[in-house]
Amino acid sequence: MATTKIIVNNNGSLKVEGDFEIVDAQGNTYGLQGRTVLSLCRCAQSKNKPFCDGSHKNGFEHEATAFELPPRKV
C-alpha cells in the first residue's frame, strides 16, 4: 500500500508527499505531471491556488504543533 504524508509547515504550506491525486470541487483531477511531492497553499495569498507559490512569506504566521482531535461524533 502506498503512503501519503502531509506535513504542516510552520508559517507556510501543507507539503504533500507520496502517492496522491488532487481533485477540484467538481471531481476533475489536476494534472500533476508525475509529481510525488508538492505544497498546497493555506495562507490564501498564492496566485497559483490551490498550490503554494511562496506568497506566505509576506506575513502568514502559524506555528505547527500536533495535537489530538476530540472524539468523532457518531
PDB file of N, CA and C in Angstrom:
ATOM      1  N   MET A   1       0.838  -1.182   0.000  1.00  0.00           N
ATOM      2  CA  MET A   1       0.000   0.000   0.000  1.00  0.00           C
ATOM      3  C   MET A   1       0.884   1.246   0.000  1.00  0.00           C
ATOM      4  N   ALA A   2       0.595   2.186  -0.878  1.00  0.00           N
ATOM      5  CA  ALA A   2       1.341   3.445  -0.951  1.00  0.00           C
ATOM      6  C   ALA A   2       0.971   4.336   0.229  1.00  0.00           C
ATOM      7  N   THR A   3       1.927   5.133   0.642  1.00  0.00           N
ATOM      8  CA  THR A   3       1.713   6.024   1.776  1.00  0.00           C
ATOM      9  C   THR A   3       1.706   7.468   1.314  1.00  0.00           C
ATOM     10  N   THR A   4       0.785   8.245   1.843  1.00  0.00           N
ATOM     11  CA  THR A   4       0.750   9.679   1.601  1.00  0.00           C
ATOM     12  C   THR A   4       1.011  10.353   2.934  1.00  0.00           C
ATOM     13  N   LYS A   5       1.901  11.325   2.921  1.00  0.00           N
ATOM     14  CA  LYS A   5       2.252  12.062   4.130  1.00  0.00           C
ATOM     15  C   LYS A   5       1.970  13.533   3.883  1.00  0.00           C
ATOM     16  N   ILE A   6       1.310  14.192   4.842  1.00  0.00           N
ATOM     17  CA  ILE A   6       1.047  15.626   4.764  1.00  0.00           C
ATOM     18  C   ILE A   6       1.765  16.289   5.928  1.00  0.00           C
ATOM     19  N   ILE A   7       2.626  17.230   5.609  1.00  0.00           N
ATOM     20  CA  ILE A   7       3.415  17.928   6.615  1.00  0.00           C
ATOM     21  C   ILE A   7       2.894  19.357   6.722  1.00  0.00           C
ATOM     22  N   VAL A   8       2.506  19.770   7.926  1.00  0.00           N
ATOM     23  CA  VAL A   8       2.049  21.135   8.171  1.00  0.00           C
ATOM     24  C   VAL A   8       3.290  21.961   8.501  1.00  0.00           C
ATOM     25  N   ASN A   9       3.714  22.782   7.565  1.00  0.00           N
ATOM     26  CA  ASN A   9       4.919  23.592   7.751  1.00  0.00           C
ATOM     27  C   ASN A   9       4.633  24.808   8.617  1.00  0.00           C
ATOM     28  N   ASN A  10       5.583  25.156   9.460  1.00  0.00           N
ATOM     29  CA  ASN A  10       5.472  26.399  10.237  1.00  0.00           C
ATOM     30  C   ASN A  10       5.399  27.570   9.274  1.00  0.00           C
ATOM     31  N   ASN A  11       4.476  28.488   9.538  1.00  0.00           N
ATOM     32  CA  ASN A  11       4.378  29.725   8.759  1.00  0.00           C
ATOM     33  C   ASN A  11       4.297  29.497   7.256  1.00  0.00           C
ATOM     34  N   GLY A  12       3.666  28.401   6.847  1.00  0.00           N
ATOM     35  CA  GLY A  12       3.629  28.140   5.418  1.00  0.00           C
ATOM     36  C   GLY A  12       2.640  27.094   4.977  1.00  0.00           C
ATOM     37  N   SER A  13       3.031  26.352   3.989  1.00  0.00           N
ATOM     38  CA  SER A  13       2.166  25.454   3.230  1.00  0.00           C
ATOM     39  C   SER A  13       1.935  24.106   3.903  1.00  0.00           C
ATOM     40  N   LEU A  14       1.089  23.326   3.237  1.00  0.00           N
ATOM     41  CA  LEU A  14       0.930  21.910   3.543  1.00  0.00           C
ATOM     42  C   LEU A  14       1.723  21.152   2.489  1.00  0.00           C
ATOM     43  N   LYS A  15       2.768  20.471   2.890  1.00  0.00           N
ATOM     44  CA  LYS A  15       3.594  19.693   1.962  1.00  0.00           C
ATOM     45  C   LYS A  15       3.016  18.287   1.874  1.00  0.00           C
ATOM     46  N   VAL A  16       2.738  17.836   0.645  1.00  0.00           N
ATOM     47  CA  VAL A  16       2.154  16.524   0.404  1.00  0.00           C
ATOM     48  C   VAL A  16       3.218  15.663  -0.276  1.00  0.00           C
ATOM     49  N   GLU A  17       3.460  14.483   0.284  1.00  0.00           N
ATOM     50  CA  GLU A  17       4.453  13.556  -0.265  1.00  0.00           C
ATOM     51  C   GLU A  17       3.824  12.189  -0.448  1.00  0.00           C
ATOM     52  N   GLY A  18       4.188  11.503  -1.508  1.00  0.00           N
ATOM     53  CA  GLY A  18       3.744  10.128  -1.693  1.00  0.00           C
ATOM     54  C   GLY A  18       2.923   9.936  -2.946  1.00  0.00           C
ATOM     55  N   ASP A  19       1.977   9.014  -2.859  1.00  0.00           N
ATOM     56  CA  ASP A  19       1.098   8.660  -3.969  1.00  0.00           C
ATOM     57  C   ASP A  19      -0.260   9.310  -3.706  1.00  0.00           C
ATOM     58  N   PHE A  20      -0.633  10.289  -4.525  1.00  0.00           N
ATOM     59  CA  PHE A  20      -1.868  11.019  -4.287  1.00  0.00           C
ATOM     60  C   PHE A  20      -2.386  11.602  -5.585  1.00  0.00           C
ATOM     61  N   GLU A  21      -3.637  12.022  -5.566  1.00  0.00           N
ATOM     62  CA  GLU A  21      -4.203  12.829  -6.633  1.00  0.00           C
ATOM     63  C   GLU A  21      -4.944  13.974  -5.965  1.00  0.00           C
ATOM     64  N   ILE A  22      -5.081  15.079  -6.672  1.00  0.00           N
ATOM     65  CA  ILE A  22      -5.796  16.238  -6.170  1.00  0.00           C
ATOM     66  C   ILE A  22      -6.900  16.549  -7.161  1.00  0.00           C
ATOM     67  N   VAL A  23      -8.124  16.695  -6.636  1.00  0.00           N
ATOM     68  CA  VAL A  23      -9.277  16.972  -7.489  1.00  0.00           C
ATOM     69  C   VAL A  23      -9.953  18.263  -7.048  1.00  0.00           C
ATOM     70  N   ASP A  24     -10.634  18.924  -7.991  1.00  0.00           N
ATOM     71  CA  ASP A  24     -11.370  20.149  -7.663  1.00  0.00           C
ATOM     72  C   ASP A  24     -12.763  19.784  -7.141  1.00  0.00           C
ATOM     73  N   ALA A  25     -13.562  20.799  -6.836  1.00  0.00           N
ATOM     74  CA  ALA A  25     -14.889  20.585  -6.246  1.00  0.00           C
ATOM     75  C   ALA A  25     -15.822  19.771  -7.140  1.00  0.00           C
ATOM     76  N   GLN A  26     -15.558  19.773  -8.449  1.00  0.00           N
ATOM     77  CA  GLN A  26     -16.392  19.009  -9.375  1.00  0.00           C
ATOM     78  C   GLN A  26     -15.837  17.609  -9.631  1.00  0.00           C
ATOM     79  N   GLY A  27     -14.719  17.263  -8.999  1.00  0.00           N
ATOM     80  CA  GLY A  27     -14.134  15.940  -9.169  1.00  0.00           C
ATOM     81  C   GLY A  27     -13.125  15.848 -10.302  1.00  0.00           C
ATOM     82  N   ASN A  28     -12.790  16.986 -10.935  1.00  0.00           N
ATOM     83  CA  ASN A  28     -11.795  16.989 -12.006  1.00  0.00           C
ATOM     84  C   ASN A  28     -10.395  16.908 -11.411  1.00  0.00           C
ATOM     85  N   THR A  29      -9.556  16.074 -11.995  1.00  0.00           N
ATOM     86  CA  THR A  29      -8.200  15.855 -11.488  1.00  0.00           C
ATOM     87  C   THR A  29      -7.235  16.905 -12.025  1.00  0.00           C
ATOM     88  N   TYR A  30      -6.427  17.479 -11.119  1.00  0.00           N
ATOM     89  CA  TYR A  30      -5.352  18.389 -11.531  1.00  0.00           C
ATOM     90  C   TYR A  30      -4.250  17.563 -12.185  1.00  0.00           C
ATOM     91  N   GLY A  31      -3.654  18.082 -13.249  1.00  0.00           N
ATOM     92  CA  GLY A  31      -2.538  17.425 -13.919  1.00  0.00           C
ATOM     93  C   GLY A  31      -1.248  17.717 -13.181  1.00  0.00           C
ATOM     94  N   LEU A  32      -0.778  16.764 -12.396  1.00  0.00           N
ATOM     95  CA  LEU A  32       0.397  16.975 -11.544  1.00  0.00           C
ATOM     96  C   LEU A  32       1.704  16.580 -12.215  1.00  0.00           C
ATOM     97  N   GLN A  33       1.628  16.098 -13.439  1.00  0.00           N
ATOM     98  CA  GLN A  33       2.823  15.771 -14.232  1.00  0.00           C
ATOM     99  C   GLN A  33       3.781  14.835 -13.500  1.00  0.00           C
ATOM    100  N   GLY A  34       3.224  13.851 -12.798  1.00  0.00           N
ATOM    101  CA  GLY A  34       4.036  12.829 -12.146  1.00  0.00           C
ATOM    102  C   GLY A  34       4.659  13.237 -10.819  1.00  0.00           C
ATOM    103  N   ARG A  35       4.318  14.410 -10.315  1.00  0.00           N
ATOM    104  CA  ARG A  35       4.906  14.856  -9.042  1.00  0.00           C
ATOM    105  C   ARG A  35       4.487  13.931  -7.899  1.00  0.00           C
ATOM    106  N   THR A  36       5.428  13.659  -7.010  1.00  0.00           N
ATOM    107  CA  THR A  36       5.163  12.896  -5.801  1.00  0.00           C
ATOM    108  C   THR A  36       5.373  13.766  -4.559  1.00  0.00           C
ATOM    109  N   VAL A  37       5.746  15.022  -4.763  1.00  0.00           N
ATOM    110  CA  VAL A  37       5.889  16.000  -3.684  1.00  0.00           C
ATOM    111  C   VAL A  37       5.413  17.341  -4.219  1.00  0.00           C
ATOM    112  N   LEU A  38       4.563  18.024  -3.455  1.00  0.00           N
ATOM    113  CA  LEU A  38       4.163  19.394  -3.783  1.00  0.00           C
ATOM    114  C   LEU A  38       3.621  20.048  -2.538  1.00  0.00           C
ATOM    115  N   SER A  39       3.404  21.356  -2.610  1.00  0.00           N
ATOM    116  CA  SER A  39       2.897  22.104  -1.464  1.00  0.00           C
ATOM    117  C   SER A  39       1.584  22.775  -1.807  1.00  0.00           C
ATOM    118  N   LEU A  40       0.644  22.688  -0.872  1.00  0.00           N
ATOM    119  CA  LEU A  40      -0.662  23.310  -1.017  1.00  0.00           C
ATOM    120  C   LEU A  40      -0.713  24.580  -0.173  1.00  0.00           C
ATOM    121  N   CYS A  41      -1.338  25.615  -0.725  1.00  0.00           N
ATOM    122  CA  CYS A  41      -1.467  26.899  -0.044  1.00  0.00           C
ATOM    123  C   CYS A  41      -2.439  26.788   1.120  1.00  0.00           C
ATOM    124  N   ARG A  42      -2.112  27.430   2.227  1.00  0.00           N
ATOM    125  CA  ARG A  42      -3.078  27.562   3.317  1.00  0.00           C
ATOM    126  C   ARG A  42      -3.149  28.986   3.842  1.00  0.00           C
ATOM    127  N   CYS A  43      -2.451  29.917   3.171  1.00  0.00           N
ATOM    128  CA  CYS A  43      -2.464  31.325   3.598  1.00  0.00           C
ATOM    129  C   CYS A  43      -3.461  32.151   2.782  1.00  0.00           C
ATOM    130  N   ALA A  44      -3.950  31.600   1.669  1.00  0.00           N
ATOM    131  CA  ALA A  44      -4.885  32.257   0.749  1.00  0.00           C
ATOM    132  C   ALA A  44      -4.253  33.401  -0.036  1.00  0.00           C
ATOM    133  N   GLN A  45      -2.932  33.506  -0.045  1.00  0.00           N
ATOM    134  CA  GLN A  45      -2.262  34.575  -0.778  1.00  0.00           C
ATOM    135  C   GLN A  45      -1.669  34.107  -2.114  1.00  0.00           C
ATOM    136  N   SER A  46      -1.597  32.804  -2.340  1.00  0.00           N
ATOM    137  CA  SER A  46      -0.988  32.271  -3.559  1.00  0.00           C
ATOM    138  C   SER A  46      -1.761  32.705  -4.802  1.00  0.00           C
ATOM    139  N   LYS A  47      -1.048  33.017  -5.845  1.00  0.00           N
ATOM    140  CA  LYS A  47      -1.675  33.321  -7.132  1.00  0.00           C
ATOM    141  C   LYS A  47      -1.844  32.040  -7.962  1.00  0.00           C
ATOM    142  N   ASN A  48      -1.450  30.908  -7.387  1.00  0.00           N
ATOM    143  CA  ASN A  48      -1.494  29.620  -8.061  1.00  0.00           C
ATOM    144  C   ASN A  48      -2.293  28.610  -7.223  1.00  0.00           C
ATOM    145  N   LYS A  49      -3.350  29.097  -6.523  1.00  0.00           N
ATOM    146  CA  LYS A  49      -4.150  28.217  -5.662  1.00  0.00           C
ATOM    147  C   LYS A  49      -4.688  27.040  -6.454  1.00  0.00           C
ATOM    148  N   PRO A  50      -4.749  25.864  -5.917  1.00  0.00           N
ATOM    149  CA  PRO A  50      -4.537  25.531  -4.520  1.00  0.00           C
ATOM    150  C   PRO A  50      -3.068  25.287  -4.164  1.00  0.00           C
ATOM    151  N   PHE A  51      -2.171  25.546  -5.086  1.00  0.00           N
ATOM    152  CA  PHE A  51      -0.758  25.253  -4.864  1.00  0.00           C
ATOM    153  C   PHE A  51      -0.027  26.464  -4.279  1.00  0.00           C
ATOM    154  N   CYS A  52       0.970  26.191  -3.474  1.00  0.00           N
ATOM    155  CA  CYS A  52       1.750  27.244  -2.825  1.00  0.00           C
ATOM    156  C   CYS A  52       2.724  27.863  -3.818  1.00  0.00           C
ATOM    157  N   ASP A  53       2.828  29.198  -3.805  1.00  0.00           N
ATOM    158  CA  ASP A  53       3.822  29.887  -4.634  1.00  0.00           C
ATOM    159  C   ASP A  53       4.796  30.707  -3.781  1.00  0.00           C
ATOM    160  N   GLY A  54       4.762  30.494  -2.461  1.00  0.00           N
ATOM    161  CA  GLY A  54       5.672  31.196  -1.568  1.00  0.00           C
ATOM    162  C   GLY A  54       5.178  32.544  -1.086  1.00  0.00           C
ATOM    163  N   SER A  55       3.969  32.944  -1.454  1.00  0.00           N
ATOM    164  CA  SER A  55       3.437  34.249  -1.055  1.00  0.00           C
ATOM    165  C   SER A  55       3.288  34.394   0.454  1.00  0.00           C
ATOM    166  N   HIS A  56       3.200  33.284   1.186  1.00  0.00           N
ATOM    167  CA  HIS A  56       3.038  33.328   2.632  1.00  0.00           C
ATOM    168  C   HIS A  56       4.208  34.016   3.339  1.00  0.00           C
ATOM    169  N   LYS A  57       5.314  34.149   2.663  1.00  0.00           N
ATOM    170  CA  LYS A  57       6.491  34.777   3.267  1.00  0.00           C
ATOM    171  C   LYS A  57       6.252  36.250   3.564  1.00  0.00           C
ATOM    172  N   ASN A  58       5.123  36.794   3.107  1.00  0.00           N
ATOM    173  CA  ASN A  58       4.788  38.198   3.348  1.00  0.00           C
ATOM    174  C   ASN A  58       3.988  38.403   4.624  1.00  0.00           C
ATOM    175  N   GLY A  59       3.935  37.406   5.518  1.00  0.00           N
ATOM    176  CA  GLY A  59       3.274  37.658   6.783  1.00  0.00           C
ATOM    177  C   GLY A  59       2.334  36.603   7.319  1.00  0.00           C
ATOM    178  N   PHE A  60       2.257  35.433   6.730  1.00  0.00           N
ATOM    179  CA  PHE A  60       1.413  34.372   7.275  1.00  0.00           C
ATOM    180  C   PHE A  60       2.149  33.730   8.446  1.00  0.00           C
ATOM    181  N   GLU A  61       1.500  33.671   9.605  1.00  0.00           N
ATOM    182  CA  GLU A  61       2.156  33.088  10.767  1.00  0.00           C
ATOM    183  C   GLU A  61       1.288  32.001  11.389  1.00  0.00           C
ATOM    184  N   HIS A  62       1.887  30.842  11.569  1.00  0.00           N
ATOM    185  CA  HIS A  62       1.238  29.741  12.271  1.00  0.00           C
ATOM    186  C   HIS A  62       2.314  28.751  12.682  1.00  0.00           C
ATOM    187  N   GLU A  63       2.431  28.531  13.969  1.00  0.00           N
ATOM    188  CA  GLU A  63       3.383  27.556  14.495  1.00  0.00           C
ATOM    189  C   GLU A  63       2.690  26.198  14.509  1.00  0.00           C
ATOM    190  N   ALA A  64       3.167  25.275  13.685  1.00  0.00           N
ATOM    191  CA  ALA A  64       2.535  23.967  13.565  1.00  0.00           C
ATOM    192  C   ALA A  64       2.940  23.070  14.732  1.00  0.00           C
ATOM    193  N   THR A  65       1.963  22.686  15.536  1.00  0.00           N
ATOM    194  CA  THR A  65       2.189  21.784  16.661  1.00  0.00           C
ATOM    195  C   THR A  65       1.073  20.748  16.658  1.00  0.00           C
ATOM    196  N   ALA A  66       1.441  19.480  16.613  1.00  0.00           N
ATOM    197  CA  ALA A  66       0.451  18.403  16.566  1.00  0.00           C
ATOM    198  C   ALA A  66      -0.344  18.326  17.870  1.00  0.00           C
ATOM    199  N   PHE A  67      -1.609  17.919  17.764  1.00  0.00           N
ATOM    200  CA  PHE A  67      -2.476  17.745  18.938  1.00  0.00           C
ATOM    201  C   PHE A  67      -3.527  16.697  18.622  1.00  0.00           C
ATOM    202  N   GLU A  68      -4.201  16.228  19.647  1.00  0.00           N
ATOM    203  CA  GLU A  68      -5.260  15.233  19.490  1.00  0.00           C
ATOM    204  C   GLU A  68      -6.582  15.923  19.183  1.00  0.00           C
ATOM    205  N   LEU A  69      -7.280  15.451  18.176  1.00  0.00           N
ATOM    206  CA  LEU A  69      -8.643  15.936  17.894  1.00  0.00           C
ATOM    207  C   LEU A  69      -9.598  15.339  18.918  1.00  0.00           C
ATOM    208  N   PRO A  70     -10.720  16.002  19.151  1.00  0.00           N
ATOM    209  CA  PRO A  70     -11.733  15.387  20.036  1.00  0.00           C
ATOM    210  C   PRO A  70     -12.308  14.142  19.364  1.00  0.00           C
ATOM    211  N   PRO A  71     -12.938  13.269  20.133  1.00  0.00           N
ATOM    212  CA  PRO A  71     -13.513  12.053  19.543  1.00  0.00           C
ATOM    213  C   PRO A  71     -14.497  12.406  18.424  1.00  0.00           C
ATOM    214  N   ARG A  72     -14.567  11.517  17.433  1.00  0.00           N
ATOM    215  CA  ARG A  72     -15.519  11.699  16.342  1.00  0.00           C
ATOM    216  C   ARG A  72     -16.940  11.636  16.847  1.00  0.00           C
ATOM    217  N   LYS A  73     -17.793  12.464  16.261  1.00  0.00           N
ATOM    218  CA  LYS A  73     -19.220  12.412  16.590  1.00  0.00           C
ATOM    219  C   LYS A  73     -19.826  11.272  15.804  1.00  0.00           C
ATOM    220  N   VAL A  74     -20.667  10.503  16.470  1.00  0.00           N
ATOM    221  CA  VAL A  74     -21.259   9.346  15.818  1.00  0.00           C
ATOM    222  C   VAL A  74     -22.713   9.583  15.518  1.00  0.00           C
TER     223      VAL A  74
END
